[in-house]
Amino acid sequence: MSIVAIRGAITVENNDSEDIIINTVNLLKEIEKRNHLNKDKVISILFSSTSDLNKEYPAKAARNIGYKDSALMCFNEMKVEGSLEKCIRVMLLYNSNIDQKDVKHVYLKGAKSLRPDLNK
């Protein structure tokens, strides 16, 4: 068994707790679905959010949907002039037999612009 990294991102409409939680849950569930994940094999999830999102920790959403044993951590995304706003990014580290090249990274809503190569 090896460890694979699964990336994803989503944008939110509003800087409020409900919007941050709902969109983070949607992102995590889509990553689970596309990669056929077993939550027990998720080692850790790193979340970053842009500085304009400060009303809730995205990790709270992961705890709410059952990531009880995975290490979770939240960071501020580096501020780059002209970068995407109201964006939550995620990287899951996962114990798996799949090859890294077969991982399905998930970019939703406005975050699709971050990885246009995945949206062909």
PDB file of N, CA and C in Angstrom:
ATOM      1  N   MET A   1       0.848  -1.175   0.000  1.00  0.00           N
ATOM      2  CA  MET A   1       0.000   0.000   0.000  1.00  0.00           C
ATOM      3  C   MET A   1       0.895   1.240   0.000  1.00  0.00           C
ATOM      4  N   SER A   2       0.447   2.261  -0.715  1.00  0.00           N
ATOM      5  CA  SER A   2       1.202   3.510  -0.778  1.00  0.00           C
ATOM      6  C   SER A   2       0.298   4.673  -0.386  1.00  0.00           C
ATOM      7  N   ILE A   3       0.891   5.843  -0.329  1.00  0.00           N
ATOM      8  CA  ILE A   3       0.141   7.055  -0.002  1.00  0.00           C
ATOM      9  C   ILE A   3      -0.003   7.876  -1.273  1.00  0.00           C
ATOM     10  N   VAL A   4      -1.238   8.296  -1.554  1.00  0.00           N
ATOM     11  CA  VAL A   4      -1.480   9.190  -2.688  1.00  0.00           C
ATOM     12  C   VAL A   4      -2.011  10.515  -2.166  1.00  0.00           C
ATOM     13  N   ALA A   5      -1.744  11.566  -2.915  1.00  0.00           N
ATOM     14  CA  ALA A   5      -2.265  12.896  -2.592  1.00  0.00           C
ATOM     15  C   ALA A   5      -3.403  13.202  -3.548  1.00  0.00           C
ATOM     16  N   ILE A   6      -4.517  13.643  -2.991  1.00  0.00           N
ATOM     17  CA  ILE A   6      -5.687  14.007  -3.786  1.00  0.00           C
ATOM     18  C   ILE A   6      -5.972  15.483  -3.538  1.00  0.00           C
ATOM     19  N   ARG A   7      -6.015  16.253  -4.631  1.00  0.00           N
ATOM     20  CA  ARG A   7      -6.221  17.698  -4.525  1.00  0.00           C
ATOM     21  C   ARG A   7      -7.629  18.073  -4.941  1.00  0.00           C
ATOM     22  N   GLY A   8      -8.050  19.239  -4.467  1.00  0.00           N
ATOM     23  CA  GLY A   8      -9.341  19.766  -4.867  1.00  0.00           C
ATOM     24  C   GLY A   8      -9.490  21.197  -4.412  1.00  0.00           C
ATOM     25  N   ALA A   9     -10.508  21.857  -4.939  1.00  0.00           N
ATOM     26  CA  ALA A   9     -10.805  23.236  -4.537  1.00  0.00           C
ATOM     27  C   ALA A   9     -12.234  23.571  -4.934  1.00  0.00           C
ATOM     28  N   ILE A  10     -12.772  24.555  -4.240  1.00  0.00           N
ATOM     29  CA  ILE A  10     -14.118  25.050  -4.517  1.00  0.00           C
ATOM     30  C   ILE A  10     -14.177  26.518  -4.116  1.00  0.00           C
ATOM     31  N   THR A  11     -15.007  27.270  -4.785  1.00  0.00           N
ATOM     32  CA  THR A  11     -15.250  28.647  -4.358  1.00  0.00           C
ATOM     33  C   THR A  11     -16.587  28.708  -3.632  1.00  0.00           C
ATOM     34  N   VAL A  12     -16.720  29.706  -2.770  1.00  0.00           N
ATOM     35  CA  VAL A  12     -17.969  29.915  -2.033  1.00  0.00           C
ATOM     36  C   VAL A  12     -18.501  31.306  -2.370  1.00  0.00           C
ATOM     37  N   GLU A  13     -19.795  31.456  -2.212  1.00  0.00           N
ATOM     38  CA  GLU A  13     -20.432  32.736  -2.540  1.00  0.00           C
ATOM     39  C   GLU A  13     -20.216  33.781  -1.447  1.00  0.00           C
ATOM     40  N   ASN A  14     -20.363  33.341  -0.187  1.00  0.00           N
ATOM     41  CA  ASN A  14     -20.367  34.282   0.935  1.00  0.00           C
ATOM     42  C   ASN A  14     -19.408  33.852   2.030  1.00  0.00           C
ATOM     43  N   ASN A  15     -18.854  34.822   2.712  1.00  0.00           N
ATOM     44  CA  ASN A  15     -18.002  34.559   3.861  1.00  0.00           C
ATOM     45  C   ASN A  15     -18.882  34.386   5.098  1.00  0.00           C
ATOM     46  N   ASP A  16     -19.545  33.241   5.166  1.00  0.00           N
ATOM     47  CA  ASP A  16     -20.309  32.921   6.372  1.00  0.00           C
ATOM     48  C   ASP A  16     -20.153  31.434   6.670  1.00  0.00           C
ATOM     49  N   SER A  17     -20.373  31.077   7.919  1.00  0.00           N
ATOM     50  CA  SER A  17     -20.145  29.717   8.379  1.00  0.00           C
ATOM     51  C   SER A  17     -20.897  28.694   7.537  1.00  0.00           C
ATOM     52  N   GLU A  18     -22.167  28.951   7.284  1.00  0.00           N
ATOM     53  CA  GLU A  18     -22.993  27.989   6.549  1.00  0.00           C
ATOM     54  C   GLU A  18     -22.456  27.741   5.141  1.00  0.00           C
ATOM     55  N   ASP A  19     -22.096  28.787   4.432  1.00  0.00           N
ATOM     56  CA  ASP A  19     -21.601  28.642   3.064  1.00  0.00           C
ATOM     57  C   ASP A  19     -20.263  27.896   3.036  1.00  0.00           C
ATOM     58  N   ILE A  20     -19.395  28.206   3.979  1.00  0.00           N
ATOM     59  CA  ILE A  20     -18.101  27.531   4.053  1.00  0.00           C
ATOM     60  C   ILE A  20     -18.300  26.047   4.342  1.00  0.00           C
ATOM     61  N   ILE A  21     -19.154  25.713   5.303  1.00  0.00           N
ATOM     62  CA  ILE A  21     -19.402  24.308   5.660  1.00  0.00           C
ATOM     63  C   ILE A  21     -20.045  23.558   4.496  1.00  0.00           C
ATOM     64  N   ILE A  22     -21.119  24.093   3.938  1.00  0.00           N
ATOM     65  CA  ILE A  22     -21.839  23.407   2.853  1.00  0.00           C
ATOM     66  C   ILE A  22     -20.921  23.138   1.663  1.00  0.00           C
ATOM     67  N   ASN A  23     -20.158  24.130   1.260  1.00  0.00           N
ATOM     68  CA  ASN A  23     -19.293  23.955   0.096  1.00  0.00           C
ATOM     69  C   ASN A  23     -18.125  23.023   0.371  1.00  0.00           C
ATOM     70  N   THR A  24     -17.585  23.058   1.580  1.00  0.00           N
ATOM     71  CA  THR A  24     -16.512  22.128   1.923  1.00  0.00           C
ATOM     72  C   THR A  24     -17.037  20.699   1.931  1.00  0.00           C
ATOM     73  N   VAL A  25     -18.218  20.485   2.493  1.00  0.00           N
ATOM     74  CA  VAL A  25     -18.840  19.152   2.475  1.00  0.00           C
ATOM     75  C   VAL A  25     -19.038  18.690   1.027  1.00  0.00           C
ATOM     76  N   ASN A  26     -19.559  19.553   0.176  1.00  0.00           N
ATOM     77  CA  ASN A  26     -19.776  19.187  -1.227  1.00  0.00           C
ATOM     78  C   ASN A  26     -18.473  18.789  -1.910  1.00  0.00           C
ATOM     79  N   LEU A  27     -17.407  19.533  -1.652  1.00  0.00           N
ATOM     80  CA  LEU A  27     -16.108  19.215  -2.235  1.00  0.00           C
ATOM     81  C   LEU A  27     -15.611  17.863  -1.739  1.00  0.00           C
ATOM     82  N   LEU A  28     -15.645  17.646  -0.430  1.00  0.00           N
ATOM     83  CA  LEU A  28     -15.162  16.379   0.122  1.00  0.00           C
ATOM     84  C   LEU A  28     -15.977  15.192  -0.382  1.00  0.00           C
ATOM     85  N   LYS A  29     -17.279  15.334  -0.446  1.00  0.00           N
ATOM     86  CA  LYS A  29     -18.123  14.233  -0.931  1.00  0.00           C
ATOM     87  C   LYS A  29     -17.850  13.921  -2.400  1.00  0.00           C
ATOM     88  N   GLU A  30     -17.589  14.938  -3.189  1.00  0.00           N
ATOM     89  CA  GLU A  30     -17.278  14.705  -4.604  1.00  0.00           C
ATOM     90  C   GLU A  30     -15.920  14.022  -4.751  1.00  0.00           C
ATOM     91  N   ILE A  31     -14.945  14.402  -3.931  1.00  0.00           N
ATOM     92  CA  ILE A  31     -13.641  13.726  -3.938  1.00  0.00           C
ATOM     93  C   ILE A  31     -13.822  12.265  -3.541  1.00  0.00           C
ATOM     94  N   GLU A  32     -14.611  12.009  -2.488  1.00  0.00           N
ATOM     95  CA  GLU A  32     -14.891  10.632  -2.053  1.00  0.00           C
ATOM     96  C   GLU A  32     -15.511   9.821  -3.187  1.00  0.00           C
ATOM     97  N   LYS A  33     -16.515  10.393  -3.828  1.00  0.00           N
ATOM     98  CA  LYS A  33     -17.260   9.697  -4.886  1.00  0.00           C
ATOM     99  C   LYS A  33     -16.363   9.357  -6.074  1.00  0.00           C
ATOM    100  N   ARG A  34     -15.632  10.343  -6.568  1.00  0.00           N
ATOM    101  CA  ARG A  34     -14.818  10.124  -7.775  1.00  0.00           C
ATOM    102  C   ARG A  34     -13.645   9.183  -7.533  1.00  0.00           C
ATOM    103  N   ASN A  35     -13.177   9.108  -6.289  1.00  0.00           N
ATOM    104  CA  ASN A  35     -12.012   8.279  -5.980  1.00  0.00           C
ATOM    105  C   ASN A  35     -12.362   7.031  -5.174  1.00  0.00           C
ATOM    106  N   HIS A  36     -13.642   6.810  -4.924  1.00  0.00           N
ATOM    107  CA  HIS A  36     -14.106   5.628  -4.172  1.00  0.00           C
ATOM    108  C   HIS A  36     -13.357   5.504  -2.841  1.00  0.00           C
ATOM    109  N   LEU A  37     -13.359   6.584  -2.069  1.00  0.00           N
ATOM    110  CA  LEU A  37     -12.586   6.636  -0.829  1.00  0.00           C
ATOM    111  C   LEU A  37     -13.282   5.928   0.327  1.00  0.00           C
ATOM    112  N   ASN A  38     -12.459   5.376   1.183  1.00  0.00           N
ATOM    113  CA  ASN A  38     -12.869   4.841   2.477  1.00  0.00           C
ATOM    114  C   ASN A  38     -12.309   5.817   3.517  1.00  0.00           C
ATOM    115  N   LYS A  39     -13.176   6.462   4.282  1.00  0.00           N
ATOM    116  CA  LYS A  39     -12.722   7.481   5.246  1.00  0.00           C
ATOM    117  C   LYS A  39     -11.666   6.950   6.214  1.00  0.00           C
ATOM    118  N   ASP A  40     -11.719   5.657   6.532  1.00  0.00           N
ATOM    119  CA  ASP A  40     -10.758   5.074   7.470  1.00  0.00           C
ATOM    120  C   ASP A  40      -9.333   5.073   6.925  1.00  0.00           C
ATOM    121  N   LYS A  41      -9.174   5.247   5.624  1.00  0.00           N
ATOM    122  CA  LYS A  41      -7.844   5.238   5.019  1.00  0.00           C
ATOM    123  C   LYS A  41      -7.303   6.642   4.740  1.00  0.00           C
ATOM    124  N   VAL A  42      -8.072   7.668   5.113  1.00  0.00           N
ATOM    125  CA  VAL A  42      -7.603   9.045   4.941  1.00  0.00           C
ATOM    126  C   VAL A  42      -6.680   9.381   6.110  1.00  0.00           C
ATOM    127  N   ILE A  43      -5.426   9.635   5.816  1.00  0.00           N
ATOM    128  CA  ILE A  43      -4.427   9.928   6.846  1.00  0.00           C
ATOM    129  C   ILE A  43      -4.618  11.341   7.378  1.00  0.00           C
ATOM    130  N   SER A  44      -4.681  12.289   6.448  1.00  0.00           N
ATOM    131  CA  SER A  44      -4.809  13.689   6.851  1.00  0.00           C
ATOM    132  C   SER A  44      -5.435  14.495   5.723  1.00  0.00           C
ATOM    133  N   ILE A  45      -5.991  15.633   6.111  1.00  0.00           N
ATOM    134  CA  ILE A  45      -6.536  16.574   5.137  1.00  0.00           C
ATOM    135  C   ILE A  45      -6.025  17.962   5.509  1.00  0.00           C
ATOM    136  N   LEU A  46      -5.372  18.599   4.554  1.00  0.00           N
ATOM    137  CA  LEU A  46      -4.906  19.975   4.722  1.00  0.00           C
ATOM    138  C   LEU A  46      -5.842  20.884   3.947  1.00  0.00           C
ATOM    139  N   PHE A  47      -6.336  21.902   4.617  1.00  0.00           N
ATOM    140  CA  PHE A  47      -7.222  22.880   3.997  1.00  0.00           C
ATOM    141  C   PHE A  47      -6.515  24.222   3.957  1.00  0.00           C
ATOM    142  N   SER A  48      -6.655  24.927   2.844  1.00  0.00           N
ATOM    143  CA  SER A  48      -6.261  26.335   2.833  1.00  0.00           C
ATOM    144  C   SER A  48      -7.458  27.123   2.331  1.00  0.00           C
ATOM    145  N   SER A  49      -7.545  28.344   2.802  1.00  0.00           N
ATOM    146  CA  SER A  49      -8.608  29.221   2.317  1.00  0.00           C
ATOM    147  C   SER A  49      -8.028  30.609   2.109  1.00  0.00           C
ATOM    148  N   THR A  50      -8.617  31.316   1.181  1.00  0.00           N
ATOM    149  CA  THR A  50      -8.168  32.675   0.919  1.00  0.00           C
ATOM    150  C   THR A  50      -8.509  33.554   2.121  1.00  0.00           C
ATOM    151  N   SER A  51      -7.796  34.650   2.255  1.00  0.00           N
ATOM    152  CA  SER A  51      -7.926  35.492   3.452  1.00  0.00           C
ATOM    153  C   SER A  51      -9.299  36.146   3.584  1.00  0.00           C
ATOM    154  N   ASP A  52     -10.091  36.138   2.518  1.00  0.00           N
ATOM    155  CA  ASP A  52     -11.439  36.710   2.600  1.00  0.00           C
ATOM    156  C   ASP A  52     -12.465  35.734   3.183  1.00  0.00           C
ATOM    157  N   LEU A  53     -12.025  34.533   3.541  1.00  0.00           N
ATOM    158  CA  LEU A  53     -12.887  33.553   4.216  1.00  0.00           C
ATOM    159  C   LEU A  53     -12.375  33.371   5.640  1.00  0.00           C
ATOM    160  N   ASN A  54     -13.084  33.938   6.597  1.00  0.00           N
ATOM    161  CA  ASN A  54     -12.600  33.881   7.977  1.00  0.00           C
ATOM    162  C   ASN A  54     -13.716  33.651   8.999  1.00  0.00           C
ATOM    163  N   LYS A  55     -14.847  33.125   8.558  1.00  0.00           N
ATOM    164  CA  LYS A  55     -15.975  32.917   9.481  1.00  0.00           C
ATOM    165  C   LYS A  55     -16.086  31.480   9.985  1.00  0.00           C
ATOM    166  N   GLU A  56     -15.315  30.546   9.397  1.00  0.00           N
ATOM    167  CA  GLU A  56     -15.386  29.146   9.825  1.00  0.00           C
ATOM    168  C   GLU A  56     -14.153  28.402   9.346  1.00  0.00           C
ATOM    169  N   TYR A  57     -13.778  27.365  10.092  1.00  0.00           N
ATOM    170  CA  TYR A  57     -12.707  26.470   9.665  1.00  0.00           C
ATOM    171  C   TYR A  57     -13.286  25.416   8.730  1.00  0.00           C
ATOM    172  N   PRO A  58     -12.726  25.226   7.537  1.00  0.00           N
ATOM    173  CA  PRO A  58     -13.217  24.160   6.665  1.00  0.00           C
ATOM    174  C   PRO A  58     -13.113  22.770   7.311  1.00  0.00           C
ATOM    175  N   ALA A  59     -12.154  22.582   8.192  1.00  0.00           N
ATOM    176  CA  ALA A  59     -11.996  21.281   8.851  1.00  0.00           C
ATOM    177  C   ALA A  59     -13.237  20.884   9.646  1.00  0.00           C
ATOM    178  N   LYS A  60     -13.990  21.852  10.118  1.00  0.00           N
ATOM    179  CA  LYS A  60     -15.223  21.547  10.853  1.00  0.00           C
ATOM    180  C   LYS A  60     -16.178  20.737   9.981  1.00  0.00           C
ATOM    181  N   ALA A  61     -16.228  21.059   8.702  1.00  0.00           N
ATOM    182  CA  ALA A  61     -17.084  20.321   7.772  1.00  0.00           C
ATOM    183  C   ALA A  61     -16.652  18.862   7.672  1.00  0.00           C
ATOM    184  N   ALA A  62     -15.344  18.631   7.648  1.00  0.00           N
ATOM    185  CA  ALA A  62     -14.839  17.255   7.573  1.00  0.00           C
ATOM    186  C   ALA A  62     -15.222  16.468   8.824  1.00  0.00           C
ATOM    187  N   ARG A  63     -15.089  17.072   9.977  1.00  0.00           N
ATOM    188  CA  ARG A  63     -15.493  16.399  11.220  1.00  0.00           C
ATOM    189  C   ARG A  63     -16.988  16.087  11.196  1.00  0.00           C
ATOM    190  N   ASN A  64     -17.783  17.025  10.684  1.00  0.00           N
ATOM    191  CA  ASN A  64     -19.234  16.845  10.636  1.00  0.00           C
ATOM    192  C   ASN A  64     -19.661  15.655   9.791  1.00  0.00           C
ATOM    193  N   ILE A  65     -18.860  15.283   8.787  1.00  0.00           N
ATOM    194  CA  ILE A  65     -19.248  14.165   7.920  1.00  0.00           C
ATOM    195  C   ILE A  65     -18.429  12.902   8.177  1.00  0.00           C
ATOM    196  N   GLY A  66     -17.778  12.837   9.336  1.00  0.00           N
ATOM    197  CA  GLY A  66     -17.195  11.567   9.744  1.00  0.00           C
ATOM    198  C   GLY A  66     -15.697  11.413   9.703  1.00  0.00           C
ATOM    199  N   TYR A  67     -14.957  12.446   9.400  1.00  0.00           N
ATOM    200  CA  TYR A  67     -13.497  12.344   9.433  1.00  0.00           C
ATOM    201  C   TYR A  67     -13.030  12.550  10.871  1.00  0.00           C
ATOM    202  N   LYS A  68     -13.252  11.547  11.696  1.00  0.00           N
ATOM    203  CA  LYS A  68     -12.962  11.639  13.131  1.00  0.00           C
ATOM    204  C   LYS A  68     -11.520  11.271  13.459  1.00  0.00           C
ATOM    205  N   ASP A  69     -10.910  10.387  12.663  1.00  0.00           N
ATOM    206  CA  ASP A  69      -9.575   9.889  12.981  1.00  0.00           C
ATOM    207  C   ASP A  69      -8.479  10.467  12.089  1.00  0.00           C
ATOM    208  N   SER A  70      -8.848  11.247  11.102  1.00  0.00           N
ATOM    209  CA  SER A  70      -7.866  11.866  10.210  1.00  0.00           C
ATOM    210  C   SER A  70      -7.345  13.153  10.844  1.00  0.00           C
ATOM    211  N   ALA A  71      -6.064  13.412  10.651  1.00  0.00           N
ATOM    212  CA  ALA A  71      -5.487  14.681  11.107  1.00  0.00           C
ATOM    213  C   ALA A  71      -5.953  15.779  10.156  1.00  0.00           C
ATOM    214  N   LEU A  72      -6.492  16.852  10.713  1.00  0.00           N
ATOM    215  CA  LEU A  72      -7.015  17.962   9.909  1.00  0.00           C
ATOM    216  C   LEU A  72      -6.307  19.252  10.300  1.00  0.00           C
ATOM    217  N   MET A  73      -5.997  20.083   9.311  1.00  0.00           N
ATOM    218  CA  MET A  73      -5.343  21.346   9.600  1.00  0.00           C
ATOM    219  C   MET A  73      -5.757  22.383   8.573  1.00  0.00           C
ATOM    220  N   CYS A  74      -5.934  23.620   9.036  1.00  0.00           N
ATOM    221  CA  CYS A  74      -6.343  24.733   8.168  1.00  0.00           C
ATOM    222  C   CYS A  74      -5.253  25.801   8.122  1.00  0.00           C
ATOM    223  N   PHE A  75      -5.078  26.383   6.941  1.00  0.00           N
ATOM    224  CA  PHE A  75      -4.088  27.431   6.707  1.00  0.00           C
ATOM    225  C   PHE A  75      -4.709  28.538   5.880  1.00  0.00           C
ATOM    226  N   ASN A  76      -4.085  29.710   5.916  1.00  0.00           N
ATOM    227  CA  ASN A  76      -4.421  30.770   4.967  1.00  0.00           C
ATOM    228  C   ASN A  76      -3.643  30.526   3.687  1.00  0.00           C
ATOM    229  N   GLU A  77      -4.304  30.675   2.565  1.00  0.00           N
ATOM    230  CA  GLU A  77      -3.652  30.573   1.262  1.00  0.00           C
ATOM    231  C   GLU A  77      -2.791  31.819   1.056  1.00  0.00           C
ATOM    232  N   MET A  78      -1.660  31.649   0.404  1.00  0.00           N
ATOM    233  CA  MET A  78      -0.799  32.780   0.084  1.00  0.00           C
ATOM    234  C   MET A  78      -1.569  33.792  -0.769  1.00  0.00           C
ATOM    235  N   LYS A  79      -1.435  35.059  -0.454  1.00  0.00           N
ATOM    236  CA  LYS A  79      -2.133  36.118  -1.193  1.00  0.00           C
ATOM    237  C   LYS A  79      -1.293  36.517  -2.402  1.00  0.00           C
ATOM    238  N   VAL A  80      -1.838  36.263  -3.577  1.00  0.00           N
ATOM    239  CA  VAL A  80      -1.173  36.629  -4.822  1.00  0.00           C
ATOM    240  C   VAL A  80      -2.082  37.601  -5.566  1.00  0.00           C
ATOM    241  N   GLU A  81      -1.515  38.685  -6.020  1.00  0.00           N
ATOM    242  CA  GLU A  81      -2.307  39.700  -6.721  1.00  0.00           C
ATOM    243  C   GLU A  81      -3.066  39.079  -7.887  1.00  0.00           C
ATOM    244  N   GLY A  82      -4.369  39.347  -7.942  1.00  0.00           N
ATOM    245  CA  GLY A  82      -5.204  38.845  -9.026  1.00  0.00           C
ATOM    246  C   GLY A  82      -5.652  37.403  -8.874  1.00  0.00           C
ATOM    247  N   SER A  83      -5.360  36.791  -7.733  1.00  0.00           N
ATOM    248  CA  SER A  83      -5.720  35.381  -7.551  1.00  0.00           C
ATOM    249  C   SER A  83      -7.207  35.208  -7.256  1.00  0.00           C
ATOM    250  N   LEU A  84      -7.658  33.980  -7.367  1.00  0.00           N
ATOM    251  CA  LEU A  84      -9.052  33.623  -7.138  1.00  0.00           C
ATOM    252  C   LEU A  84      -9.461  33.957  -5.705  1.00  0.00           C
ATOM    253  N   GLU A  85     -10.634  34.537  -5.548  1.00  0.00           N
ATOM    254  CA  GLU A  85     -11.135  34.912  -4.222  1.00  0.00           C
ATOM    255  C   GLU A  85     -12.131  33.887  -3.704  1.00  0.00           C
ATOM    256  N   LYS A  86     -12.353  33.920  -2.392  1.00  0.00           N
ATOM    257  CA  LYS A  86     -13.322  33.043  -1.712  1.00  0.00           C
ATOM    258  C   LYS A  86     -13.143  31.582  -2.132  1.00  0.00           C
ATOM    259  N   CYS A  87     -11.929  31.105  -2.001  1.00  0.00           N
ATOM    260  CA  CYS A  87     -11.585  29.757  -2.456  1.00  0.00           C
ATOM    261  C   CYS A  87     -11.052  28.906  -1.307  1.00  0.00           C
ATOM    262  N   ILE A  88     -11.551  27.687  -1.237  1.00  0.00           N
ATOM    263  CA  ILE A  88     -11.072  26.689  -0.282  1.00  0.00           C
ATOM    264  C   ILE A  88     -10.359  25.612  -1.092  1.00  0.00           C
ATOM    265  N   ARG A  89      -9.132  25.323  -0.708  1.00  0.00           N
ATOM    266  CA  ARG A  89      -8.354  24.269  -1.361  1.00  0.00           C
ATOM    267  C   ARG A  89      -8.132  23.144  -0.357  1.00  0.00           C
ATOM    268  N   VAL A  90      -7.943  21.944  -0.880  1.00  0.00           N
ATOM    269  CA  VAL A  90      -7.772  20.791  -0.009  1.00  0.00           C
ATOM    270  C   VAL A  90      -6.736  19.842  -0.609  1.00  0.00           C
ATOM    271  N   MET A  91      -5.989  19.174   0.278  1.00  0.00           N
ATOM    272  CA  MET A  91      -5.128  18.072  -0.125  1.00  0.00           C
ATOM    273  C   MET A  91      -5.312  16.946   0.885  1.00  0.00           C
ATOM    274  N   LEU A  92      -5.804  15.808   0.394  1.00  0.00           N
ATOM    275  CA  LEU A  92      -5.978  14.627   1.232  1.00  0.00           C
ATOM    276  C   LEU A  92      -4.798  13.694   1.005  1.00  0.00           C
ATOM    277  N   LEU A  93      -4.268  13.132   2.074  1.00  0.00           N
ATOM    278  CA  LEU A  93      -3.279  12.063   1.973  1.00  0.00           C
ATOM    279  C   LEU A  93      -4.003  10.774   2.309  1.00  0.00           C
ATOM    280  N   TYR A  94      -3.890   9.783   1.403  1.00  0.00           N
ATOM    281  CA  TYR A  94      -4.747   8.606   1.447  1.00  0.00           C
ATOM    282  C   TYR A  94      -3.933   7.336   1.255  1.00  0.00           C
ATOM    283  N   ASN A  95      -4.146   6.353   2.135  1.00  0.00           N
ATOM    284  CA  ASN A  95      -3.549   5.026   1.979  1.00  0.00           C
ATOM    285  C   ASN A  95      -4.308   4.283   0.896  1.00  0.00           C
ATOM    286  N   SER A  96      -3.590   3.865  -0.156  1.00  0.00           N
ATOM    287  CA  SER A  96      -4.300   3.267  -1.284  1.00  0.00           C
ATOM    288  C   SER A  96      -3.389   2.378  -2.111  1.00  0.00           C
ATOM    289  N   ASN A  97      -4.011   1.509  -2.879  1.00  0.00           N
ATOM    290  CA  ASN A  97      -3.282   0.704  -3.858  1.00  0.00           C
ATOM    291  C   ASN A  97      -3.349   1.321  -5.251  1.00  0.00           C
ATOM    292  N   ILE A  98      -4.048   2.445  -5.399  1.00  0.00           N
ATOM    293  CA  ILE A  98      -4.126   3.077  -6.715  1.00  0.00           C
ATOM    294  C   ILE A  98      -2.858   3.887  -6.982  1.00  0.00           C
ATOM    295  N   ASP A  99      -2.531   4.032  -8.241  1.00  0.00           N
ATOM    296  CA  ASP A  99      -1.380   4.835  -8.637  1.00  0.00           C
ATOM    297  C   ASP A  99      -1.748   6.312  -8.610  1.00  0.00           C
ATOM    298  N   GLN A 100      -0.775   7.147  -8.295  1.00  0.00           N
ATOM    299  CA  GLN A 100      -1.017   8.593  -8.246  1.00  0.00           C
ATOM    300  C   GLN A 100      -1.606   9.095  -9.565  1.00  0.00           C
ATOM    301  N   LYS A 101      -1.166   8.532 -10.681  1.00  0.00           N
ATOM    302  CA  LYS A 101      -1.659   8.981 -11.990  1.00  0.00           C
ATOM    303  C   LYS A 101      -3.143   8.692 -12.192  1.00  0.00           C
ATOM    304  N   ASP A 102      -3.709   7.782 -11.406  1.00  0.00           N
ATOM    305  CA  ASP A 102      -5.123   7.422 -11.536  1.00  0.00           C
ATOM    306  C   ASP A 102      -6.035   8.185 -10.580  1.00  0.00           C
ATOM    307  N   VAL A 103      -5.459   9.047  -9.759  1.00  0.00           N
ATOM    308  CA  VAL A 103      -6.242   9.848  -8.810  1.00  0.00           C
ATOM    309  C   VAL A 103      -7.089  10.858  -9.581  1.00  0.00           C
ATOM    310  N   LYS A 104      -8.292  11.090  -9.089  1.00  0.00           N
ATOM    311  CA  LYS A 104      -9.200  12.072  -9.691  1.00  0.00           C
ATOM    312  C   LYS A 104      -9.231  13.318  -8.803  1.00  0.00           C
ATOM    313  N   HIS A 105      -8.517  14.354  -9.207  1.00  0.00           N
ATOM    314  CA  HIS A 105      -8.538  15.623  -8.491  1.00  0.00           C
ATOM    315  C   HIS A 105      -9.845  16.336  -8.833  1.00  0.00           C
ATOM    316  N   VAL A 106     -10.381  17.104  -7.888  1.00  0.00           N
ATOM    317  CA  VAL A 106     -11.719  17.681  -8.051  1.00  0.00           C
ATOM    318  C   VAL A 106     -11.672  19.196  -7.843  1.00  0.00           C
ATOM    319  N   TYR A 107     -12.039  19.929  -8.874  1.00  0.00           N
ATOM    320  CA  TYR A 107     -12.108  21.391  -8.816  1.00  0.00           C
ATOM    321  C   TYR A 107     -13.513  21.806  -9.234  1.00  0.00           C
ATOM    322  N   LEU A 108     -14.214  22.492  -8.336  1.00  0.00           N
ATOM    323  CA  LEU A 108     -15.619  22.823  -8.540  1.00  0.00           C
ATOM    324  C   LEU A 108     -15.848  24.333  -8.569  1.00  0.00           C
ATOM    325  N   LYS A 109     -16.953  24.705  -9.190  1.00  0.00           N
ATOM    326  CA  LYS A 109     -17.376  26.108  -9.288  1.00  0.00           C
ATOM    327  C   LYS A 109     -16.256  26.957  -9.893  1.00  0.00           C
ATOM    328  N   GLY A 110     -16.000  28.122  -9.322  1.00  0.00           N
ATOM    329  CA  GLY A 110     -14.976  29.016  -9.854  1.00  0.00           C
ATOM    330  C   GLY A 110     -13.572  28.445  -9.788  1.00  0.00           C
ATOM    331  N   ALA A 111     -13.362  27.451  -8.928  1.00  0.00           N
ATOM    332  CA  ALA A 111     -12.038  26.846  -8.782  1.00  0.00           C
ATOM    333  C   ALA A 111     -11.645  25.999  -9.991  1.00  0.00           C
ATOM    334  N   LYS A 112     -12.584  25.722 -10.882  1.00  0.00           N
ATOM    335  CA  LYS A 112     -12.238  25.000 -12.114  1.00  0.00           C
ATOM    336  C   LYS A 112     -11.161  25.742 -12.892  1.00  0.00           C
ATOM    337  N   SER A 113     -11.108  27.059 -12.732  1.00  0.00           N
ATOM    338  CA  SER A 113     -10.115  27.862 -13.452  1.00  0.00           C
ATOM    339  C   SER A 113      -8.689  27.582 -12.977  1.00  0.00           C
ATOM    340  N   LEU A 114      -8.544  26.988 -11.800  1.00  0.00           N
ATOM    341  CA  LEU A 114      -7.212  26.676 -11.277  1.00  0.00           C
ATOM    342  C   LEU A 114      -6.566  25.508 -12.016  1.00  0.00           C
ATOM    343  N   ARG A 115      -7.387  24.594 -12.518  1.00  0.00           N
ATOM    344  CA  ARG A 115      -6.879  23.407 -13.213  1.00  0.00           C
ATOM    345  C   ARG A 115      -7.691  23.131 -14.476  1.00  0.00           C
ATOM    346  N   PRO A 116      -7.586  24.010 -15.472  1.00  0.00           N
ATOM    347  CA  PRO A 116      -8.368  23.799 -16.698  1.00  0.00           C
ATOM    348  C   PRO A 116      -8.029  22.485 -17.399  1.00  0.00           C
ATOM    349  N   ASP A 117      -6.831  21.959 -17.148  1.00  0.00           N
ATOM    350  CA  ASP A 117      -6.435  20.689 -17.751  1.00  0.00           C
ATOM    351  C   ASP A 117      -7.303  19.523 -17.275  1.00  0.00           C
ATOM    352  N   LEU A 118      -7.933  19.663 -16.114  1.00  0.00           N
ATOM    353  CA  LEU A 118      -8.763  18.586 -15.573  1.00  0.00           C
ATOM    354  C   LEU A 118     -10.205  18.674 -16.040  1.00  0.00           C
ATOM    355  N   ASN A 119     -10.572  19.749 -16.691  1.00  0.00           N
ATOM    356  CA  ASN A 119     -11.966  19.979 -17.076  1.00  0.00           C
ATOM    357  C   ASN A 119     -12.198  19.820 -18.573  1.00  0.00           C
ATOM    358  N   LYS A 120     -11.395  18.994 -19.208  1.00  0.00           N
ATOM    359  CA  LYS A 120     -11.528  18.793 -20.662  1.00  0.00           C
ATOM    360  C   LYS A 120     -12.628  17.811 -20.960  1.00  0.00           C
TER     361      LYS A 120
END
